ModelCIF file with pLDDT and N, C-alpha, C, O atoms, coordinates in Angstrom:
data_MODEL
#
_entry.id   MODEL 
#
_entity.id                         1 
_entity.type                       polymer 
_entity.pdbx_number_of_molecules   1 
#
_entity_poly.entity_id                      1 
_entity_poly.type                           'polypeptide(L)' 
_entity_poly.nstd_linkage                   no 
_entity_poly.nstd_monomer                   no 
_entity_poly.pdbx_seq_one_letter_code       GPHGSGVDRELLNQLQRRGISATLFVNQRWCSENQSTMEQLVDEKFF 
_entity_poly.pdbx_seq_one_letter_code_can   GPHGSGVDRELLNQLQRRGISATLFVNQRWCSENQSTMEQLVDEKFF 
_entity_poly.pdbx_strand_id                 A 
#
loop_
_entity_poly_seq.entity_id 
_entity_poly_seq.num 
_entity_poly_seq.mon_id 
_entity_poly_seq.hetero 
1 1  GLY n 
1 2  PRO n 
1 3  HIS n 
1 4  GLY n 
1 5  SER n 
1 6  GLY n 
1 7  VAL n 
1 8  ASP n 
1 9  ARG n 
1 10 GLU n 
1 11 LEU n 
1 12 LEU n 
1 13 ASN n 
1 14 GLN n 
1 15 LEU n 
1 16 GLN n 
1 17 ARG n 
1 18 ARG n 
1 19 GLY n 
1 20 ILE n 
1 21 SER n 
1 22 ALA n 
1 23 THR n 
1 24 LEU n 
1 25 PHE n 
1 26 VAL n 
1 27 ASN n 
1 28 GLN n 
1 29 ARG n 
1 30 TRP n 
1 31 CYS n 
1 32 SER n 
1 33 GLU n 
1 34 ASN n 
1 35 GLN n 
1 36 SER n 
1 37 THR n 
1 38 MET n 
1 39 GLU n 
1 40 GLN n 
1 41 LEU n 
1 42 VAL n 
1 43 ASP n 
1 44 GLU n 
1 45 LYS n 
1 46 PHE n 
1 47 PHE n 
#
_struct_asym.id          A 
_struct_asym.entity_id   1 
#
loop_
_ma_qa_metric.id 
_ma_qa_metric.mode 
_ma_qa_metric.name 
_ma_qa_metric.software_group_id 
_ma_qa_metric.type 
1 global pLDDT . pLDDT 
2 local  pLDDT . pLDDT 
#
_ma_qa_metric_global.metric_id      1 
_ma_qa_metric_global.metric_value   95.13 
_ma_qa_metric_global.model_id       1 
_ma_qa_metric_global.ordinal_id     1 
#
loop_
_ma_qa_metric_local.label_asym_id 
_ma_qa_metric_local.label_comp_id 
_ma_qa_metric_local.label_seq_id 
_ma_qa_metric_local.metric_id 
_ma_qa_metric_local.metric_value 
_ma_qa_metric_local.model_id 
_ma_qa_metric_local.ordinal_id 
A GLY 1  2 94.00 1 1  
A PRO 2  2 92.00 1 2  
A HIS 3  2 91.00 1 3  
A GLY 4  2 95.00 1 4  
A SER 5  2 97.00 1 5  
A GLY 6  2 97.00 1 6  
A VAL 7  2 98.00 1 7  
A ASP 8  2 98.00 1 8  
A ARG 9  2 97.00 1 9  
A GLU 10 2 97.00 1 10 
A LEU 11 2 97.00 1 11 
A LEU 12 2 97.00 1 12 
A ASN 13 2 95.00 1 13 
A GLN 14 2 95.00 1 14 
A LEU 15 2 95.00 1 15 
A GLN 16 2 93.00 1 16 
A ARG 17 2 94.00 1 17 
A ARG 18 2 92.00 1 18 
A GLY 19 2 90.00 1 19 
A ILE 20 2 89.00 1 20 
A SER 21 2 90.00 1 21 
A ALA 22 2 90.00 1 22 
A THR 23 2 95.00 1 23 
A LEU 24 2 98.00 1 24 
A PHE 25 2 98.00 1 25 
A VAL 26 2 98.00 1 26 
A ASN 27 2 98.00 1 27 
A GLN 28 2 98.00 1 28 
A ARG 29 2 98.00 1 29 
A TRP 30 2 98.00 1 30 
A CYS 31 2 98.00 1 31 
A SER 32 2 97.00 1 32 
A GLU 33 2 97.00 1 33 
A ASN 34 2 98.00 1 34 
A GLN 35 2 97.00 1 35 
A SER 36 2 96.00 1 36 
A THR 37 2 97.00 1 37 
A MET 38 2 97.00 1 38 
A GLU 39 2 96.00 1 39 
A GLN 40 2 95.00 1 40 
A LEU 41 2 96.00 1 41 
A VAL 42 2 96.00 1 42 
A ASP 43 2 92.00 1 43 
A GLU 44 2 91.00 1 44 
A LYS 45 2 89.00 1 45 
A PHE 46 2 90.00 1 46 
A PHE 47 2 95.00 1 47 
#
loop_
_atom_site.group_PDB 
_atom_site.id 
_atom_site.type_symbol 
_atom_site.label_atom_id 
_atom_site.label_alt_id 
_atom_site.label_comp_id 
_atom_site.label_asym_id 
_atom_site.label_entity_id 
_atom_site.label_seq_id 
_atom_site.pdbx_PDB_ins_code 
_atom_site.Cartn_x 
_atom_site.Cartn_y 
_atom_site.Cartn_z 
_atom_site.occupancy 
_atom_site.B_iso_or_equiv 
_atom_site.pdbx_formal_charge 
_atom_site.auth_seq_id 
_atom_site.auth_comp_id 
_atom_site.auth_asym_id 
_atom_site.auth_atom_id 
_atom_site.pdbx_PDB_model_num 
ATOM 1   N N  . GLY A 1 1  ? 8.124  6.493  21.607 1.00 94.00 ? 1  GLY A N  1 
ATOM 2   C CA . GLY A 1 1  ? 7.841  7.407  22.695 1.00 94.00 ? 1  GLY A CA 1 
ATOM 3   C C  . GLY A 1 1  ? 6.771  8.417  22.330 1.00 94.00 ? 1  GLY A C  1 
ATOM 4   O O  . GLY A 1 1  ? 6.300  8.429  21.192 1.00 94.00 ? 1  GLY A O  1 
ATOM 5   N N  . PRO A 1 2  ? 6.375  9.266  23.273 1.00 92.00 ? 2  PRO A N  1 
ATOM 6   C CA . PRO A 1 2  ? 5.273  10.212 23.048 1.00 92.00 ? 2  PRO A CA 1 
ATOM 7   C C  . PRO A 1 2  ? 5.474  11.142 21.859 1.00 92.00 ? 2  PRO A C  1 
ATOM 8   O O  . PRO A 1 2  ? 4.503  11.539 21.215 1.00 92.00 ? 2  PRO A O  1 
ATOM 9   N N  . HIS A 1 3  ? 6.706  11.488 21.564 1.00 91.00 ? 3  HIS A N  1 
ATOM 10  C CA . HIS A 1 3  ? 6.961  12.437 20.474 1.00 91.00 ? 3  HIS A CA 1 
ATOM 11  C C  . HIS A 1 3  ? 7.706  11.793 19.301 1.00 91.00 ? 3  HIS A C  1 
ATOM 12  O O  . HIS A 1 3  ? 8.213  12.495 18.426 1.00 91.00 ? 3  HIS A O  1 
ATOM 13  N N  . GLY A 1 4  ? 7.769  10.480 19.284 1.00 95.00 ? 4  GLY A N  1 
ATOM 14  C CA . GLY A 1 4  ? 8.554  9.839  18.231 1.00 95.00 ? 4  GLY A CA 1 
ATOM 15  C C  . GLY A 1 4  ? 7.951  8.594  17.647 1.00 95.00 ? 4  GLY A C  1 
ATOM 16  O O  . GLY A 1 4  ? 8.677  7.725  17.164 1.00 95.00 ? 4  GLY A O  1 
ATOM 17  N N  . SER A 1 5  ? 6.624  8.481  17.678 1.00 97.00 ? 5  SER A N  1 
ATOM 18  C CA . SER A 1 5  ? 5.979  7.264  17.181 1.00 97.00 ? 5  SER A CA 1 
ATOM 19  C C  . SER A 1 5  ? 5.219  7.470  15.878 1.00 97.00 ? 5  SER A C  1 
ATOM 20  O O  . SER A 1 5  ? 4.346  6.673  15.535 1.00 97.00 ? 5  SER A O  1 
ATOM 21  N N  . GLY A 1 6  ? 5.546  8.535  15.151 1.00 97.00 ? 6  GLY A N  1 
ATOM 22  C CA . GLY A 1 6  ? 4.909  8.769  13.865 1.00 97.00 ? 6  GLY A CA 1 
ATOM 23  C C  . GLY A 1 6  ? 5.518  7.920  12.767 1.00 97.00 ? 6  GLY A C  1 
ATOM 24  O O  . GLY A 1 6  ? 6.458  7.164  13.009 1.00 97.00 ? 6  GLY A O  1 
ATOM 25  N N  . VAL A 1 7  ? 4.985  8.044  11.561 1.00 98.00 ? 7  VAL A N  1 
ATOM 26  C CA . VAL A 1 7  ? 5.485  7.315  10.392 1.00 98.00 ? 7  VAL A CA 1 
ATOM 27  C C  . VAL A 1 7  ? 5.517  8.271  9.207  1.00 98.00 ? 7  VAL A C  1 
ATOM 28  O O  . VAL A 1 7  ? 4.487  8.840  8.845  1.00 98.00 ? 7  VAL A O  1 
ATOM 29  N N  . ASP A 1 8  ? 6.679  8.453  8.603  1.00 98.00 ? 8  ASP A N  1 
ATOM 30  C CA . ASP A 1 8  ? 6.785  9.250  7.384  1.00 98.00 ? 8  ASP A CA 1 
ATOM 31  C C  . ASP A 1 8  ? 6.500  8.317  6.203  1.00 98.00 ? 8  ASP A C  1 
ATOM 32  O O  . ASP A 1 8  ? 7.421  7.819  5.556  1.00 98.00 ? 8  ASP A O  1 
ATOM 33  N N  . ARG A 1 9  ? 5.231  8.094  5.939  1.00 97.00 ? 9  ARG A N  1 
ATOM 34  C CA . ARG A 1 9  ? 4.833  7.136  4.904  1.00 97.00 ? 9  ARG A CA 1 
ATOM 35  C C  . ARG A 1 9  ? 5.270  7.583  3.510  1.00 97.00 ? 9  ARG A C  1 
ATOM 36  O O  . ARG A 1 9  ? 5.610  6.749  2.670  1.00 97.00 ? 9  ARG A O  1 
ATOM 37  N N  . GLU A 1 10 ? 5.263  8.893  3.261  1.00 97.00 ? 10 GLU A N  1 
ATOM 38  C CA . GLU A 1 10 ? 5.667  9.365  1.942  1.00 97.00 ? 10 GLU A CA 1 
ATOM 39  C C  . GLU A 1 10 ? 7.139  9.054  1.688  1.00 97.00 ? 10 GLU A C  1 
ATOM 40  O O  . GLU A 1 10 ? 7.510  8.664  0.580  1.00 97.00 ? 10 GLU A O  1 
ATOM 41  N N  . LEU A 1 11 ? 7.974  9.224  2.703  1.00 97.00 ? 11 LEU A N  1 
ATOM 42  C CA . LEU A 1 11 ? 9.385  8.885  2.552  1.00 97.00 ? 11 LEU A CA 1 
ATOM 43  C C  . LEU A 1 11 ? 9.553  7.402  2.242  1.00 97.00 ? 11 LEU A C  1 
ATOM 44  O O  . LEU A 1 11 ? 10.271 7.037  1.310  1.00 97.00 ? 11 LEU A O  1 
ATOM 45  N N  . LEU A 1 12 ? 8.896  6.549  3.018  1.00 97.00 ? 12 LEU A N  1 
ATOM 46  C CA . LEU A 1 12 ? 9.008  5.110  2.784  1.00 97.00 ? 12 LEU A CA 1 
ATOM 47  C C  . LEU A 1 12 ? 8.466  4.736  1.406  1.00 97.00 ? 12 LEU A C  1 
ATOM 48  O O  . LEU A 1 12 ? 9.043  3.894  0.718  1.00 97.00 ? 12 LEU A O  1 
ATOM 49  N N  . ASN A 1 13 ? 7.370  5.354  1.009  1.00 95.00 ? 13 ASN A N  1 
ATOM 50  C CA . ASN A 1 13 ? 6.799  5.060  -0.308 1.00 95.00 ? 13 ASN A CA 1 
ATOM 51  C C  . ASN A 1 13 ? 7.731  5.475  -1.435 1.00 95.00 ? 13 ASN A C  1 
ATOM 52  O O  . ASN A 1 13 ? 7.866  4.762  -2.430 1.00 95.00 ? 13 ASN A O  1 
ATOM 53  N N  . GLN A 1 14 ? 8.372  6.627  -1.281 1.00 95.00 ? 14 GLN A N  1 
ATOM 54  C CA . GLN A 1 14 ? 9.317  7.093  -2.304 1.00 95.00 ? 14 GLN A CA 1 
ATOM 55  C C  . GLN A 1 14 ? 10.491 6.124  -2.438 1.00 95.00 ? 14 GLN A C  1 
ATOM 56  O O  . GLN A 1 14 ? 10.915 5.808  -3.550 1.00 95.00 ? 14 GLN A O  1 
ATOM 57  N N  . LEU A 1 15 ? 11.007 5.661  -1.323 1.00 95.00 ? 15 LEU A N  1 
ATOM 58  C CA . LEU A 1 15 ? 12.122 4.708  -1.364 1.00 95.00 ? 15 LEU A CA 1 
ATOM 59  C C  . LEU A 1 15 ? 11.692 3.421  -2.054 1.00 95.00 ? 15 LEU A C  1 
ATOM 60  O O  . LEU A 1 15 ? 12.442 2.856  -2.851 1.00 95.00 ? 15 LEU A O  1 
ATOM 61  N N  . GLN A 1 16 ? 10.477 2.956  -1.746 1.00 93.00 ? 16 GLN A N  1 
ATOM 62  C CA . GLN A 1 16 ? 9.968  1.741  -2.377 1.00 93.00 ? 16 GLN A CA 1 
ATOM 63  C C  . GLN A 1 16 ? 9.800  1.933  -3.876 1.00 93.00 ? 16 GLN A C  1 
ATOM 64  O O  . GLN A 1 16 ? 10.209 1.083  -4.666 1.00 93.00 ? 16 GLN A O  1 
ATOM 65  N N  . ARG A 1 17 ? 9.196  3.052  -4.266 1.00 94.00 ? 17 ARG A N  1 
ATOM 66  C CA . ARG A 1 17 ? 8.951  3.301  -5.696 1.00 94.00 ? 17 ARG A CA 1 
ATOM 67  C C  . ARG A 1 17 ? 10.247 3.400  -6.480 1.00 94.00 ? 17 ARG A C  1 
ATOM 68  O O  . ARG A 1 17 ? 10.313 3.008  -7.645 1.00 94.00 ? 17 ARG A O  1 
ATOM 69  N N  . ARG A 1 18 ? 11.270 3.925  -5.836 1.00 92.00 ? 18 ARG A N  1 
ATOM 70  C CA . ARG A 1 18 ? 12.557 4.090  -6.528 1.00 92.00 ? 18 ARG A CA 1 
ATOM 71  C C  . ARG A 1 18 ? 13.474 2.879  -6.375 1.00 92.00 ? 18 ARG A C  1 
ATOM 72  O O  . ARG A 1 18 ? 14.582 2.859  -6.912 1.00 92.00 ? 18 ARG A O  1 
ATOM 73  N N  . GLY A 1 19 ? 13.008 1.874  -5.642 1.00 90.00 ? 19 GLY A N  1 
ATOM 74  C CA . GLY A 1 19 ? 13.790 0.658  -5.475 1.00 90.00 ? 19 GLY A CA 1 
ATOM 75  C C  . GLY A 1 19 ? 15.048 0.866  -4.665 1.00 90.00 ? 19 GLY A C  1 
ATOM 76  O O  . GLY A 1 19 ? 16.073 0.241  -4.937 1.00 90.00 ? 19 GLY A O  1 
ATOM 77  N N  . ILE A 1 20 ? 14.985 1.742  -3.666 1.00 89.00 ? 20 ILE A N  1 
ATOM 78  C CA . ILE A 1 20 ? 16.159 2.055  -2.851 1.00 89.00 ? 20 ILE A CA 1 
ATOM 79  C C  . ILE A 1 20 ? 16.112 1.238  -1.565 1.00 89.00 ? 20 ILE A C  1 
ATOM 80  O O  . ILE A 1 20 ? 15.141 1.314  -0.812 1.00 89.00 ? 20 ILE A O  1 
ATOM 81  N N  . SER A 1 21 ? 17.149 0.467  -1.318 1.00 90.00 ? 21 SER A N  1 
ATOM 82  C CA . SER A 1 21 ? 17.228 -0.330 -0.106 1.00 90.00 ? 21 SER A CA 1 
ATOM 83  C C  . SER A 1 21 ? 17.512 0.556  1.101  1.00 90.00 ? 21 SER A C  1 
ATOM 84  O O  . SER A 1 21 ? 18.243 1.541  0.997  1.00 90.00 ? 21 SER A O  1 
ATOM 85  N N  . ALA A 1 22 ? 16.931 0.200  2.249  1.00 90.00 ? 22 ALA A N  1 
ATOM 86  C CA . ALA A 1 22 ? 17.133 0.968  3.471  1.00 90.00 ? 22 ALA A CA 1 
ATOM 87  C C  . ALA A 1 22 ? 17.200 0.030  4.665  1.00 90.00 ? 22 ALA A C  1 
ATOM 88  O O  . ALA A 1 22 ? 16.505 -0.985 4.716  1.00 90.00 ? 22 ALA A O  1 
ATOM 89  N N  . THR A 1 23 ? 18.042 0.383  5.620  1.00 95.00 ? 23 THR A N  1 
ATOM 90  C CA . THR A 1 23 ? 18.066 -0.317 6.893  1.00 95.00 ? 23 THR A CA 1 
ATOM 91  C C  . THR A 1 23 ? 17.322 0.535  7.902  1.00 95.00 ? 23 THR A C  1 
ATOM 92  O O  . THR A 1 23 ? 17.715 1.671  8.167  1.00 95.00 ? 23 THR A O  1 
ATOM 93  N N  . LEU A 1 24 ? 16.248 -0.003 8.467  1.00 98.00 ? 24 LEU A N  1 
ATOM 94  C CA . LEU A 1 24 ? 15.376 0.738  9.371  1.00 98.00 ? 24 LEU A CA 1 
ATOM 95  C C  . LEU A 1 24 ? 15.595 0.260  10.799 1.00 98.00 ? 24 LEU A C  1 
ATOM 96  O O  . LEU A 1 24 ? 15.337 -0.901 11.118 1.00 98.00 ? 24 LEU A O  1 
ATOM 97  N N  . PHE A 1 25 ? 16.070 1.153  11.655 1.00 98.00 ? 25 PHE A N  1 
ATOM 98  C CA . PHE A 1 25 ? 16.302 0.826  13.063 1.00 98.00 ? 25 PHE A CA 1 
ATOM 99  C C  . PHE A 1 25 ? 15.043 1.154  13.858 1.00 98.00 ? 25 PHE A C  1 
ATOM 100 O O  . PHE A 1 25 ? 14.659 2.319  13.964 1.00 98.00 ? 25 PHE A O  1 
ATOM 101 N N  . VAL A 1 26 ? 14.407 0.139  14.411 1.00 98.00 ? 26 VAL A N  1 
ATOM 102 C CA . VAL A 1 26 ? 13.122 0.327  15.078 1.00 98.00 ? 26 VAL A CA 1 
ATOM 103 C C  . VAL A 1 26 ? 13.235 0.068  16.577 1.00 98.00 ? 26 VAL A C  1 
ATOM 104 O O  . VAL A 1 26 ? 13.837 -0.914 17.011 1.00 98.00 ? 26 VAL A O  1 
ATOM 105 N N  . ASN A 1 27 ? 12.644 0.970  17.355 1.00 98.00 ? 27 ASN A N  1 
ATOM 106 C CA . ASN A 1 27 ? 12.566 0.837  18.798 1.00 98.00 ? 27 ASN A CA 1 
ATOM 107 C C  . ASN A 1 27 ? 11.288 0.092  19.168 1.00 98.00 ? 27 ASN A C  1 
ATOM 108 O O  . ASN A 1 27 ? 10.284 0.199  18.464 1.00 98.00 ? 27 ASN A O  1 
ATOM 109 N N  . GLN A 1 28 ? 11.318 -0.654 20.255 1.00 98.00 ? 28 GLN A N  1 
ATOM 110 C CA . GLN A 1 28 ? 10.147 -1.445 20.626 1.00 98.00 ? 28 GLN A CA 1 
ATOM 111 C C  . GLN A 1 28 ? 8.927  -0.568 20.890 1.00 98.00 ? 28 GLN A C  1 
ATOM 112 O O  . GLN A 1 28 ? 7.805  -0.964 20.575 1.00 98.00 ? 28 GLN A O  1 
ATOM 113 N N  . ARG A 1 29 ? 9.130  0.615  21.461 1.00 98.00 ? 29 ARG A N  1 
ATOM 114 C CA . ARG A 1 29 ? 8.004  1.518  21.722 1.00 98.00 ? 29 ARG A CA 1 
ATOM 115 C C  . ARG A 1 29 ? 7.324  1.912  20.415 1.00 98.00 ? 29 ARG A C  1 
ATOM 116 O O  . ARG A 1 29 ? 6.097  1.977  20.331 1.00 98.00 ? 29 ARG A O  1 
ATOM 117 N N  . TRP A 1 30 ? 8.143  2.175  19.397 1.00 98.00 ? 30 TRP A N  1 
ATOM 118 C CA . TRP A 1 30 ? 7.593  2.555  18.104 1.00 98.00 ? 30 TRP A CA 1 
ATOM 119 C C  . TRP A 1 30 ? 6.844  1.378  17.482 1.00 98.00 ? 30 TRP A C  1 
ATOM 120 O O  . TRP A 1 30 ? 5.755  1.549  16.936 1.00 98.00 ? 30 TRP A O  1 
ATOM 121 N N  . CYS A 1 31 ? 7.424  0.201  17.566 1.00 98.00 ? 31 CYS A N  1 
ATOM 122 C CA . CYS A 1 31 ? 6.786  -0.983 16.977 1.00 98.00 ? 31 CYS A CA 1 
ATOM 123 C C  . CYS A 1 31 ? 5.425  -1.245 17.589 1.00 98.00 ? 31 CYS A C  1 
ATOM 124 O O  . CYS A 1 31 ? 4.474  -1.566 16.875 1.00 98.00 ? 31 CYS A O  1 
ATOM 125 N N  . SER A 1 32 ? 5.321  -1.112 18.908 1.00 97.00 ? 32 SER A N  1 
ATOM 126 C CA . SER A 1 32 ? 4.052  -1.400 19.576 1.00 97.00 ? 32 SER A CA 1 
ATOM 127 C C  . SER A 1 32 ? 2.962  -0.414 19.189 1.00 97.00 ? 32 SER A C  1 
ATOM 128 O O  . SER A 1 32 ? 1.777  -0.733 19.286 1.00 97.00 ? 32 SER A O  1 
ATOM 129 N N  . GLU A 1 33 ? 3.352  0.794  18.749 1.00 97.00 ? 33 GLU A N  1 
ATOM 130 C CA . GLU A 1 33 ? 2.384  1.806  18.324 1.00 97.00 ? 33 GLU A CA 1 
ATOM 131 C C  . GLU A 1 33 ? 2.090  1.736  16.831 1.00 97.00 ? 33 GLU A C  1 
ATOM 132 O O  . GLU A 1 33 ? 1.187  2.417  16.345 1.00 97.00 ? 33 GLU A O  1 
ATOM 133 N N  . ASN A 1 34 ? 2.843  0.918  16.098 1.00 98.00 ? 34 ASN A N  1 
ATOM 134 C CA . ASN A 1 34 ? 2.701  0.882  14.635 1.00 98.00 ? 34 ASN A CA 1 
ATOM 135 C C  . ASN A 1 34 ? 2.736  -0.563 14.129 1.00 98.00 ? 34 ASN A C  1 
ATOM 136 O O  . ASN A 1 34 ? 3.529  -0.910 13.253 1.00 98.00 ? 34 ASN A O  1 
ATOM 137 N N  . GLN A 1 35 ? 1.875  -1.383 14.688 1.00 97.00 ? 35 GLN A N  1 
ATOM 138 C CA . GLN A 1 35 ? 1.907  -2.806 14.362 1.00 97.00 ? 35 GLN A CA 1 
ATOM 139 C C  . GLN A 1 35 ? 1.563  -3.083 12.896 1.00 97.00 ? 35 GLN A C  1 
ATOM 140 O O  . GLN A 1 35 ? 2.186  -3.938 12.266 1.00 97.00 ? 35 GLN A O  1 
ATOM 141 N N  . SER A 1 36 ? 0.595  -2.379 12.360 1.00 96.00 ? 36 SER A N  1 
ATOM 142 C CA . SER A 1 36 ? 0.227  -2.631 10.964 1.00 96.00 ? 36 SER A CA 1 
ATOM 143 C C  . SER A 1 36 ? 1.360  -2.208 10.025 1.00 96.00 ? 36 SER A C  1 
ATOM 144 O O  . SER A 1 36 ? 1.641  -2.886 9.037  1.00 96.00 ? 36 SER A O  1 
ATOM 145 N N  . THR A 1 37 ? 2.003  -1.088 10.342 1.00 97.00 ? 37 THR A N  1 
ATOM 146 C CA . THR A 1 37 ? 3.148  -0.652 9.533  1.00 97.00 ? 37 THR A CA 1 
ATOM 147 C C  . THR A 1 37 ? 4.281  -1.659 9.623  1.00 97.00 ? 37 THR A C  1 
ATOM 148 O O  . THR A 1 37 ? 4.926  -1.962 8.619  1.00 97.00 ? 37 THR A O  1 
ATOM 149 N N  . MET A 1 38 ? 4.528  -2.180 10.815 1.00 97.00 ? 38 MET A N  1 
ATOM 150 C CA . MET A 1 38 ? 5.583  -3.180 10.986 1.00 97.00 ? 38 MET A CA 1 
ATOM 151 C C  . MET A 1 38 ? 5.301  -4.415 10.131 1.00 97.00 ? 38 MET A C  1 
ATOM 152 O O  . MET A 1 38 ? 6.210  -4.965 9.509  1.00 97.00 ? 38 MET A O  1 
ATOM 153 N N  . GLU A 1 39 ? 4.056  -4.845 10.101 1.00 96.00 ? 39 GLU A N  1 
ATOM 154 C CA . GLU A 1 39 ? 3.718  -6.019 9.293  1.00 96.00 ? 39 GLU A CA 1 
ATOM 155 C C  . GLU A 1 39 ? 4.019  -5.777 7.821  1.00 96.00 ? 39 GLU A C  1 
ATOM 156 O O  . GLU A 1 39 ? 4.428  -6.694 7.109  1.00 96.00 ? 39 GLU A O  1 
ATOM 157 N N  . GLN A 1 40 ? 3.819  -4.548 7.364  1.00 95.00 ? 40 GLN A N  1 
ATOM 158 C CA . GLN A 1 40 ? 4.132  -4.207 5.976  1.00 95.00 ? 40 GLN A CA 1 
ATOM 159 C C  . GLN A 1 40 ? 5.641  -4.154 5.748  1.00 95.00 ? 40 GLN A C  1 
ATOM 160 O O  . GLN A 1 40 ? 6.133  -4.624 4.722  1.00 95.00 ? 40 GLN A O  1 
ATOM 161 N N  . LEU A 1 41 ? 6.371  -3.585 6.702  1.00 96.00 ? 41 LEU A N  1 
ATOM 162 C CA . LEU A 1 41 ? 7.816  -3.434 6.548  1.00 96.00 ? 41 LEU A CA 1 
ATOM 163 C C  . LEU A 1 41 ? 8.521  -4.787 6.537  1.00 96.00 ? 41 LEU A C  1 
ATOM 164 O O  . LEU A 1 41 ? 9.506  -4.980 5.824  1.00 96.00 ? 41 LEU A O  1 
ATOM 165 N N  . VAL A 1 42 ? 8.007  -5.715 7.333  1.00 96.00 ? 42 VAL A N  1 
ATOM 166 C CA . VAL A 1 42 ? 8.620  -7.050 7.390  1.00 96.00 ? 42 VAL A CA 1 
ATOM 167 C C  . VAL A 1 42 ? 8.602  -7.700 6.016  1.00 96.00 ? 42 VAL A C  1 
ATOM 168 O O  . VAL A 1 42 ? 9.532  -8.424 5.661  1.00 96.00 ? 42 VAL A O  1 
ATOM 169 N N  . ASP A 1 43 ? 7.549  -7.449 5.237  1.00 92.00 ? 43 ASP A N  1 
ATOM 170 C CA . ASP A 1 43 ? 7.402  -8.080 3.925  1.00 92.00 ? 43 ASP A CA 1 
ATOM 171 C C  . ASP A 1 43 ? 8.006  -7.256 2.782  1.00 92.00 ? 43 ASP A C  1 
ATOM 172 O O  . ASP A 1 43 ? 7.989  -7.694 1.632  1.00 92.00 ? 43 ASP A O  1 
ATOM 173 N N  . GLU A 1 44 ? 8.531  -6.087 3.086  1.00 91.00 ? 44 GLU A N  1 
ATOM 174 C CA . GLU A 1 44 ? 9.082  -5.222 2.044  1.00 91.00 ? 44 GLU A CA 1 
ATOM 175 C C  . GLU A 1 44 ? 10.525 -5.617 1.722  1.00 91.00 ? 44 GLU A C  1 
ATOM 176 O O  . GLU A 1 44 ? 11.401 -5.537 2.583  1.00 91.00 ? 44 GLU A O  1 
ATOM 177 N N  . LYS A 1 45 ? 10.765 -6.039 0.494  1.00 89.00 ? 45 LYS A N  1 
ATOM 178 C CA . LYS A 1 45 ? 12.076 -6.582 0.140  1.00 89.00 ? 45 LYS A CA 1 
ATOM 179 C C  . LYS A 1 45 ? 13.184 -5.543 0.148  1.00 89.00 ? 45 LYS A C  1 
ATOM 180 O O  . LYS A 1 45 ? 14.357 -5.904 0.246  1.00 89.00 ? 45 LYS A O  1 
ATOM 181 N N  . PHE A 1 46 ? 12.841 -4.241 0.046  1.00 90.00 ? 46 PHE A N  1 
ATOM 182 C CA . PHE A 1 46 ? 13.873 -3.218 0.008  1.00 90.00 ? 46 PHE A CA 1 
ATOM 183 C C  . PHE A 1 46 ? 14.328 -2.772 1.399  1.00 90.00 ? 46 PHE A C  1 
ATOM 184 O O  . PHE A 1 46 ? 15.314 -2.047 1.532  1.00 90.00 ? 46 PHE A O  1 
ATOM 185 N N  . PHE A 1 47 ? 13.608 -3.207 2.431  1.00 95.00 ? 47 PHE A N  1 
ATOM 186 C CA . PHE A 1 47 ? 13.924 -2.757 3.783  1.00 95.00 ? 47 PHE A CA 1 
ATOM 187 C C  . PHE A 1 47 ? 14.434 -3.900 4.645  1.00 95.00 ? 47 PHE A C  1 
ATOM 188 O O  . PHE A 1 47 ? 14.749 -3.696 5.818  1.00 95.00 ? 47 PHE A O  1 
#
């Protein structure tokens, strides 16, 4: 949505660097605004 389509990349990077698994709940509106990020998340083994 208009106020909720950002990406906290530092948070995601910290989780990746520390090897912490996460379940990410994504809304379709967010996905359509962050296609490149979604492509990265799909391939991330910790998420």
